[in-house]
Amino acid sequence: MDVKAGDRILFGKWSGTEIKLDGEDLMIM
């Protein structure tokens, strides 16, 4: 992968799938 945990990224408006994990709203893309 070209990215790693901790990287700050920019993504498209319609990117990813929203999930709730341990009460926190996150995205998988």
Full PDB file with SEQRES, HELIX, SHEET, SSBOND, CRYST1, ORIGX, SCALE, CONECT and MASTER records, all heavy atoms in Angstrom:
SEQRES   1 A   29  MET ASP VAL LYS ALA GLY ASP ARG ILE LEU PHE GLY LYS          
SEQRES   2 A   29  TRP SER GLY THR GLU ILE LYS LEU ASP GLY GLU ASP LEU          
SEQRES   3 A   29  MET ILE MET                                                  
SHEET    1 AA1 2 THR A  17  LEU A  21  0                                        
SHEET    2 AA1 2 GLU A  24  ILE A  28 -1                                        
CRYST1    1.000    1.000    1.000  90.00  90.00  90.00 P 1           1          
ORIGX1      1.000000  0.000000  0.000000        0.00000                         
ORIGX2      0.000000  1.000000  0.000000        0.00000                         
ORIGX3      0.000000  0.000000  1.000000        0.00000                         
SCALE1      1.000000  0.000000  0.000000        0.00000                         
SCALE2      0.000000  1.000000  0.000000        0.00000                         
SCALE3      0.000000  0.000000  1.000000        0.00000                         
ATOM      1  N   MET A   1       0.848  -1.192   0.000  1.00  0.00           N  
ATOM      2  CA  MET A   1       0.000   0.000   0.000  1.00  0.00           C  
ATOM      3  C   MET A   1       0.891   1.252   0.000  1.00  0.00           C  
ATOM      4  O   MET A   1       1.987   1.236   0.568  1.00  0.00           O  
ATOM      5  CB  MET A   1      -0.889   0.010   1.236  1.00  0.00           C  
ATOM      6  CG  MET A   1      -1.800  -1.204   1.359  1.00  0.00           C  
ATOM      7  SD  MET A   1      -3.279  -1.060   0.376  1.00  0.00           S  
ATOM      8  CE  MET A   1      -4.276  -0.073   1.460  1.00  0.00           C  
ATOM      9  N   ASP A   2       0.414   2.330  -0.615  1.00  0.00           N  
ATOM     10  CA  ASP A   2       1.155   3.591  -0.648  1.00  0.00           C  
ATOM     11  C   ASP A   2       0.869   4.459   0.573  1.00  0.00           C  
ATOM     12  O   ASP A   2       1.530   5.471   0.778  1.00  0.00           O  
ATOM     13  CB  ASP A   2       0.802   4.378  -1.913  1.00  0.00           C  
ATOM     14  CG  ASP A   2       1.369   3.736  -3.165  1.00  0.00           C  
ATOM     15  OD1 ASP A   2       2.438   3.101  -3.083  1.00  0.00           O  
ATOM     16  OD2 ASP A   2       0.734   3.858  -4.233  1.00  0.00           O  
ATOM     17  N   VAL A   3      -0.148   4.095   1.363  1.00  0.00           N  
ATOM     18  CA  VAL A   3      -0.518   4.866   2.549  1.00  0.00           C  
ATOM     19  C   VAL A   3      -0.318   3.997   3.789  1.00  0.00           C  
ATOM     20  O   VAL A   3      -0.207   2.782   3.690  1.00  0.00           O  
ATOM     21  CB  VAL A   3      -1.985   5.356   2.466  1.00  0.00           C  
ATOM     22  CG1 VAL A   3      -2.156   6.355   1.346  1.00  0.00           C  
ATOM     23  CG2 VAL A   3      -2.950   4.189   2.302  1.00  0.00           C  
ATOM     24  N   LYS A   4      -0.280   4.662   4.944  1.00  0.00           N  
ATOM     25  CA  LYS A   4      -0.092   3.937   6.202  1.00  0.00           C  
ATOM     26  C   LYS A   4      -0.972   4.576   7.278  1.00  0.00           C  
ATOM     27  O   LYS A   4      -1.455   5.703   7.106  1.00  0.00           O  
ATOM     28  CB  LYS A   4       1.372   3.944   6.618  1.00  0.00           C  
ATOM     29  CG  LYS A   4       1.921   5.340   6.882  1.00  0.00           C  
ATOM     30  CD  LYS A   4       3.413   5.317   7.090  1.00  0.00           C  
ATOM     31  CE  LYS A   4       4.005   6.682   7.334  1.00  0.00           C  
ATOM     32  NZ  LYS A   4       3.677   7.716   6.390  1.00  0.00           N  
ATOM     33  N   ALA A   5      -1.166   3.867   8.372  1.00  0.00           N  
ATOM     34  CA  ALA A   5      -1.942   4.391   9.494  1.00  0.00           C  
ATOM     35  C   ALA A   5      -1.311   5.700   9.968  1.00  0.00           C  
ATOM     36  O   ALA A   5      -0.091   5.819  10.046  1.00  0.00           O  
ATOM     37  CB  ALA A   5      -1.987   3.375  10.624  1.00  0.00           C  
ATOM     38  N   GLY A   6      -2.159   6.685  10.233  1.00  0.00           N  
ATOM     39  CA  GLY A   6      -1.679   7.992  10.682  1.00  0.00           C  
ATOM     40  C   GLY A   6      -1.599   9.024   9.570  1.00  0.00           C  
ATOM     41  O   GLY A   6      -1.516  10.221   9.852  1.00  0.00           O  
ATOM     42  N   ASP A   7      -1.603   8.587   8.294  1.00  0.00           N  
ATOM     43  CA  ASP A   7      -1.567   9.537   7.174  1.00  0.00           C  
ATOM     44  C   ASP A   7      -2.851  10.358   7.145  1.00  0.00           C  
ATOM     45  O   ASP A   7      -3.938   9.845   7.390  1.00  0.00           O  
ATOM     46  CB  ASP A   7      -1.432   8.806   5.831  1.00  0.00           C  
ATOM     47  CG  ASP A   7      -0.022   8.326   5.551  1.00  0.00           C  
ATOM     48  OD1 ASP A   7       0.897   8.698   6.308  1.00  0.00           O  
ATOM     49  OD2 ASP A   7       0.150   7.577   4.577  1.00  0.00           O  
ATOM     50  N   ARG A   8      -2.709  11.637   6.825  1.00  0.00           N  
ATOM     51  CA  ARG A   8      -3.856  12.529   6.642  1.00  0.00           C  
ATOM     52  C   ARG A   8      -4.136  12.575   5.144  1.00  0.00           C  
ATOM     53  O   ARG A   8      -3.236  12.886   4.361  1.00  0.00           O  
ATOM     54  CB  ARG A   8      -3.508  13.914   7.180  1.00  0.00           C  
ATOM     55  CG  ARG A   8      -4.687  14.788   7.372  1.00  0.00           C  
ATOM     56  CD  ARG A   8      -4.268  16.048   8.098  1.00  0.00           C  
ATOM     57  NE  ARG A   8      -5.403  16.924   8.153  1.00  0.00           N  
ATOM     58  CZ  ARG A   8      -5.688  17.711   9.162  1.00  0.00           C  
ATOM     59  NH1 ARG A   8      -4.886  17.732  10.197  1.00  0.00           N  
ATOM     60  NH2 ARG A   8      -6.742  18.478   9.133  1.00  0.00           N  
ATOM     61  N   ILE A   9      -5.375  12.249   4.760  1.00  0.00           N  
ATOM     62  CA  ILE A   9      -5.700  12.091   3.342  1.00  0.00           C  
ATOM     63  C   ILE A   9      -6.866  12.969   2.914  1.00  0.00           C  
ATOM     64  O   ILE A   9      -7.621  13.477   3.733  1.00  0.00           O  
ATOM     65  CB  ILE A   9      -6.053  10.616   3.026  1.00  0.00           C  
ATOM     66  CG1 ILE A   9      -7.255  10.161   3.847  1.00  0.00           C  
ATOM     67  CG2 ILE A   9      -4.846   9.721   3.244  1.00  0.00           C  
ATOM     68  CD1 ILE A   9      -7.902   8.893   3.360  1.00  0.00           C  
ATOM     69  N   LEU A  10      -6.992  13.107   1.608  1.00  0.00           N  
ATOM     70  CA  LEU A  10      -8.110  13.777   0.964  1.00  0.00           C  
ATOM     71  C   LEU A  10      -8.788  12.730   0.102  1.00  0.00           C  
ATOM     72  O   LEU A  10      -8.108  11.964  -0.585  1.00  0.00           O  
ATOM     73  CB  LEU A  10      -7.563  14.904   0.080  1.00  0.00           C  
ATOM     74  CG  LEU A  10      -8.366  16.177  -0.068  1.00  0.00           C  
ATOM     75  CD1 LEU A  10      -8.677  16.773   1.278  1.00  0.00           C  
ATOM     76  CD2 LEU A  10      -7.629  17.152  -0.921  1.00  0.00           C  
ATOM     77  N   PHE A  11     -10.128  12.671   0.140  1.00  0.00           N  
ATOM     78  CA  PHE A  11     -10.848  11.676  -0.645  1.00  0.00           C  
ATOM     79  C   PHE A  11     -12.051  12.310  -1.322  1.00  0.00           C  
ATOM     80  O   PHE A  11     -12.458  13.415  -0.970  1.00  0.00           O  
ATOM     81  CB  PHE A  11     -11.271  10.482   0.221  1.00  0.00           C  
ATOM     82  CG  PHE A  11     -11.997  10.846   1.487  1.00  0.00           C  
ATOM     83  CD1 PHE A  11     -13.373  11.014   1.504  1.00  0.00           C  
ATOM     84  CD2 PHE A  11     -11.305  11.011   2.663  1.00  0.00           C  
ATOM     85  CE1 PHE A  11     -14.031  11.349   2.665  1.00  0.00           C  
ATOM     86  CE2 PHE A  11     -11.955  11.333   3.838  1.00  0.00           C  
ATOM     87  CZ  PHE A  11     -13.327  11.509   3.838  1.00  0.00           C  
ATOM     88  N   GLY A  12     -12.609  11.619  -2.300  1.00  0.00           N  
ATOM     89  CA  GLY A  12     -13.731  12.124  -3.073  1.00  0.00           C  
ATOM     90  C   GLY A  12     -15.017  12.188  -2.267  1.00  0.00           C  
ATOM     91  O   GLY A  12     -15.182  11.504  -1.263  1.00  0.00           O  
ATOM     92  N   LYS A  13     -15.948  13.015  -2.736  1.00  0.00           N  
ATOM     93  CA  LYS A  13     -17.204  13.261  -2.045  1.00  0.00           C  
ATOM     94  C   LYS A  13     -18.014  11.984  -1.828  1.00  0.00           C  
ATOM     95  O   LYS A  13     -18.646  11.801  -0.803  1.00  0.00           O  
ATOM     96  CB  LYS A  13     -18.028  14.273  -2.847  1.00  0.00           C  
ATOM     97  CG  LYS A  13     -19.283  14.726  -2.160  1.00  0.00           C  
ATOM     98  CD  LYS A  13     -19.929  15.840  -2.952  1.00  0.00           C  
ATOM     99  CE  LYS A  13     -21.100  16.425  -2.199  1.00  0.00           C  
ATOM    100  NZ  LYS A  13     -21.635  17.611  -2.845  1.00  0.00           N  
ATOM    101  N   TRP A  14     -18.040  11.093  -2.790  1.00  0.00           N  
ATOM    102  CA  TRP A  14     -18.862   9.880  -2.715  1.00  0.00           C  
ATOM    103  C   TRP A  14     -18.028   8.640  -2.408  1.00  0.00           C  
ATOM    104  O   TRP A  14     -18.458   7.525  -2.648  1.00  0.00           O  
ATOM    105  CB  TRP A  14     -19.631   9.688  -4.021  1.00  0.00           C  
ATOM    106  CG  TRP A  14     -20.419  10.899  -4.384  1.00  0.00           C  
ATOM    107  CD1 TRP A  14     -20.158  11.763  -5.396  1.00  0.00           C  
ATOM    108  CD2 TRP A  14     -21.576  11.421  -3.710  1.00  0.00           C  
ATOM    109  NE1 TRP A  14     -21.075  12.787  -5.413  1.00  0.00           N  
ATOM    110  CE2 TRP A  14     -21.966  12.597  -4.378  1.00  0.00           C  
ATOM    111  CE3 TRP A  14     -22.310  11.014  -2.609  1.00  0.00           C  
ATOM    112  CZ2 TRP A  14     -23.052  13.359  -3.993  1.00  0.00           C  
ATOM    113  CZ3 TRP A  14     -23.399  11.787  -2.228  1.00  0.00           C  
ATOM    114  CH2 TRP A  14     -23.759  12.932  -2.910  1.00  0.00           C  
ATOM    115  N   SER A  15     -16.862   8.804  -1.863  1.00  0.00           N  
ATOM    116  CA  SER A  15     -15.963   7.680  -1.589  1.00  0.00           C  
ATOM    117  C   SER A  15     -16.351   6.931  -0.325  1.00  0.00           C  
ATOM    118  O   SER A  15     -16.833   7.515   0.641  1.00  0.00           O  
ATOM    119  CB  SER A  15     -14.531   8.179  -1.408  1.00  0.00           C  
ATOM    120  OG  SER A  15     -14.080   8.800  -2.571  1.00  0.00           O  
ATOM    121  N   GLY A  16     -16.104   5.644  -0.332  1.00  0.00           N  
ATOM    122  CA  GLY A  16     -16.189   4.833   0.869  1.00  0.00           C  
ATOM    123  C   GLY A  16     -17.573   4.448   1.340  1.00  0.00           C  
ATOM    124  O   GLY A  16     -18.583   4.883   0.794  1.00  0.00           O  
ATOM    125  N   THR A  17     -17.579   3.611   2.358  1.00  0.00           N  
ATOM    126  CA  THR A  17     -18.782   3.135   3.017  1.00  0.00           C  
ATOM    127  C   THR A  17     -18.693   3.497   4.486  1.00  0.00           C  
ATOM    128  O   THR A  17     -17.691   3.202   5.144  1.00  0.00           O  
ATOM    129  CB  THR A  17     -18.890   1.589   2.879  1.00  0.00           C  
ATOM    130  OG1 THR A  17     -18.901   1.257   1.495  1.00  0.00           O  
ATOM    131  CG2 THR A  17     -20.139   1.065   3.552  1.00  0.00           C  
ATOM    132  N   GLU A  18     -19.726   4.149   5.001  1.00  0.00           N  
ATOM    133  CA  GLU A  18     -19.717   4.562   6.401  1.00  0.00           C  
ATOM    134  C   GLU A  18     -20.091   3.386   7.287  1.00  0.00           C  
ATOM    135  O   GLU A  18     -21.011   2.629   6.981  1.00  0.00           O  
ATOM    136  CB  GLU A  18     -20.676   5.728   6.610  1.00  0.00           C  
ATOM    137  CG  GLU A  18     -20.244   6.972   5.875  1.00  0.00           C  
ATOM    138  CD  GLU A  18     -21.169   8.162   6.115  1.00  0.00           C  
ATOM    139  OE1 GLU A  18     -22.149   8.029   6.871  1.00  0.00           O  
ATOM    140  OE2 GLU A  18     -20.892   9.216   5.542  1.00  0.00           O  
ATOM    141  N   ILE A  19     -19.357   3.229   8.392  1.00  0.00           N  
ATOM    142  CA  ILE A  19     -19.646   2.188   9.375  1.00  0.00           C  
ATOM    143  C   ILE A  19     -19.549   2.783  10.774  1.00  0.00           C  
ATOM    144  O   ILE A  19     -18.986   3.865  10.960  1.00  0.00           O  
ATOM    145  CB  ILE A  19     -18.678   0.982   9.261  1.00  0.00           C  
ATOM    146  CG1 ILE A  19     -17.239   1.400   9.583  1.00  0.00           C  
ATOM    147  CG2 ILE A  19     -18.755   0.336   7.898  1.00  0.00           C  
ATOM    148  CD1 ILE A  19     -16.306   0.228   9.810  1.00  0.00           C  
ATOM    149  N   LYS A  20     -20.117   2.082  11.748  1.00  0.00           N  
ATOM    150  CA  LYS A  20     -19.981   2.484  13.149  1.00  0.00           C  
ATOM    151  C   LYS A  20     -19.233   1.355  13.844  1.00  0.00           C  
ATOM    152  O   LYS A  20     -19.643   0.201  13.793  1.00  0.00           O  
ATOM    153  CB  LYS A  20     -21.347   2.701  13.786  1.00  0.00           C  
ATOM    154  CG  LYS A  20     -21.271   3.330  15.164  1.00  0.00           C  
ATOM    155  CD  LYS A  20     -22.627   3.741  15.669  1.00  0.00           C  
ATOM    156  CE  LYS A  20     -23.044   5.029  15.065  1.00  0.00           C  
ATOM    157  NZ  LYS A  20     -23.035   6.197  15.870  1.00  0.00           N  
ATOM    158  N   LEU A  21     -18.104   1.686  14.446  1.00  0.00           N  
ATOM    159  CA  LEU A  21     -17.257   0.705  15.094  1.00  0.00           C  
ATOM    160  C   LEU A  21     -16.954   1.191  16.511  1.00  0.00           C  
ATOM    161  O   LEU A  21     -16.383   2.277  16.672  1.00  0.00           O  
ATOM    162  CB  LEU A  21     -15.969   0.527  14.291  1.00  0.00           C  
ATOM    163  CG  LEU A  21     -15.057  -0.623  14.623  1.00  0.00           C  
ATOM    164  CD1 LEU A  21     -15.768  -1.961  14.432  1.00  0.00           C  
ATOM    165  CD2 LEU A  21     -13.824  -0.589  13.738  1.00  0.00           C  
ATOM    166  N   ASP A  22     -17.368   0.444  17.503  1.00  0.00           N  
ATOM    167  CA  ASP A  22     -17.203   0.844  18.906  1.00  0.00           C  
ATOM    168  C   ASP A  22     -17.784   2.234  19.172  1.00  0.00           C  
ATOM    169  O   ASP A  22     -17.193   3.051  19.883  1.00  0.00           O  
ATOM    170  CB  ASP A  22     -15.728   0.813  19.323  1.00  0.00           C  
ATOM    171  CG  ASP A  22     -15.164  -0.592  19.400  1.00  0.00           C  
ATOM    172  OD1 ASP A  22     -15.962  -1.540  19.569  1.00  0.00           O  
ATOM    173  OD2 ASP A  22     -13.935  -0.737  19.298  1.00  0.00           O  
ATOM    174  N   GLY A  23     -18.933   2.538  18.550  1.00  0.00           N  
ATOM    175  CA  GLY A  23     -19.607   3.814  18.764  1.00  0.00           C  
ATOM    176  C   GLY A  23     -19.020   4.984  17.985  1.00  0.00           C  
ATOM    177  O   GLY A  23     -19.497   6.103  18.102  1.00  0.00           O  
ATOM    178  N   GLU A  24     -17.998   4.748  17.195  1.00  0.00           N  
ATOM    179  CA  GLU A  24     -17.353   5.813  16.424  1.00  0.00           C  
ATOM    180  C   GLU A  24     -17.707   5.666  14.948  1.00  0.00           C  
ATOM    181  O   GLU A  24     -17.712   4.563  14.411  1.00  0.00           O  
ATOM    182  CB  GLU A  24     -15.830   5.735  16.597  1.00  0.00           C  
ATOM    183  CG  GLU A  24     -15.088   6.855  15.918  1.00  0.00           C  
ATOM    184  CD  GLU A  24     -13.588   6.792  16.164  1.00  0.00           C  
ATOM    185  OE1 GLU A  24     -13.076   5.786  16.663  1.00  0.00           O  
ATOM    186  OE2 GLU A  24     -12.935   7.789  15.820  1.00  0.00           O  
ATOM    187  N   ASP A  25     -18.040   6.786  14.295  1.00  0.00           N  
ATOM    188  CA  ASP A  25     -18.345   6.779  12.871  1.00  0.00           C  
ATOM    189  C   ASP A  25     -17.051   6.783  12.074  1.00  0.00           C  
ATOM    190  O   ASP A  25     -16.246   7.712  12.193  1.00  0.00           O  
ATOM    191  CB  ASP A  25     -19.195   7.996  12.478  1.00  0.00           C  
ATOM    192  CG  ASP A  25     -20.597   7.922  13.065  1.00  0.00           C  
ATOM    193  OD1 ASP A  25     -21.120   6.799  13.175  1.00  0.00           O  
ATOM    194  OD2 ASP A  25     -21.158   8.978  13.409  1.00  0.00           O  
ATOM    195  N   LEU A  26     -16.833   5.747  11.271  1.00  0.00           N  
ATOM    196  CA  LEU A  26     -15.636   5.608  10.453  1.00  0.00           C  
ATOM    197  C   LEU A  26     -16.050   5.284   9.026  1.00  0.00           C  
ATOM    198  O   LEU A  26     -17.232   5.098   8.739  1.00  0.00           O  
ATOM    199  CB  LEU A  26     -14.748   4.486  11.004  1.00  0.00           C  
ATOM    200  CG  LEU A  26     -14.246   4.667  12.438  1.00  0.00           C  
ATOM    201  CD1 LEU A  26     -13.636   3.375  12.953  1.00  0.00           C  
ATOM    202  CD2 LEU A  26     -13.242   5.794  12.526  1.00  0.00           C  
ATOM    203  N   MET A  27     -15.081   5.225   8.132  1.00  0.00           N  
ATOM    204  CA  MET A  27     -15.330   4.880   6.741  1.00  0.00           C  
ATOM    205  C   MET A  27     -14.341   3.818   6.290  1.00  0.00           C  
ATOM    206  O   MET A  27     -13.185   3.830   6.718  1.00  0.00           O  
ATOM    207  CB  MET A  27     -15.149   6.112   5.840  1.00  0.00           C  
ATOM    208  CG  MET A  27     -16.150   7.195   6.051  1.00  0.00           C  
ATOM    209  SD  MET A  27     -15.820   8.599   4.983  1.00  0.00           S  
ATOM    210  CE  MET A  27     -16.003   7.865   3.385  1.00  0.00           C  
ATOM    211  N   ILE A  28     -14.817   2.933   5.420  1.00  0.00           N  
ATOM    212  CA  ILE A  28     -13.932   1.976   4.756  1.00  0.00           C  
ATOM    213  C   ILE A  28     -13.927   2.353   3.283  1.00  0.00           C  
ATOM    214  O   ILE A  28     -14.989   2.579   2.691  1.00  0.00           O  
ATOM    215  CB  ILE A  28     -14.434   0.528   4.912  1.00  0.00           C  
ATOM    216  CG1 ILE A  28     -14.418   0.114   6.371  1.00  0.00           C  
ATOM    217  CG2 ILE A  28     -13.572  -0.412   4.082  1.00  0.00           C  
ATOM    218  CD1 ILE A  28     -14.992  -1.258   6.612  1.00  0.00           C  
ATOM    219  N   MET A  29     -12.743   2.457   2.706  1.00  0.00           N  
ATOM    220  CA  MET A  29     -12.650   2.788   1.279  1.00  0.00           C  
ATOM    221  C   MET A  29     -11.451   2.087   0.671  1.00  0.00           C  
ATOM    222  O   MET A  29     -10.543   1.674   1.377  1.00  0.00           O  
ATOM    223  CB  MET A  29     -12.576   4.303   1.068  1.00  0.00           C  
ATOM    224  CG  MET A  29     -11.329   4.955   1.562  1.00  0.00           C  
ATOM    225  SD  MET A  29     -11.282   6.740   1.283  1.00  0.00           S  
ATOM    226  CE  MET A  29     -12.576   7.313   2.356  1.00  0.00           C  
TER     227      MET A  29                                                      
MASTER        0    0    0    0    2    0    0    6  226    1    0    3          
END                                                                             
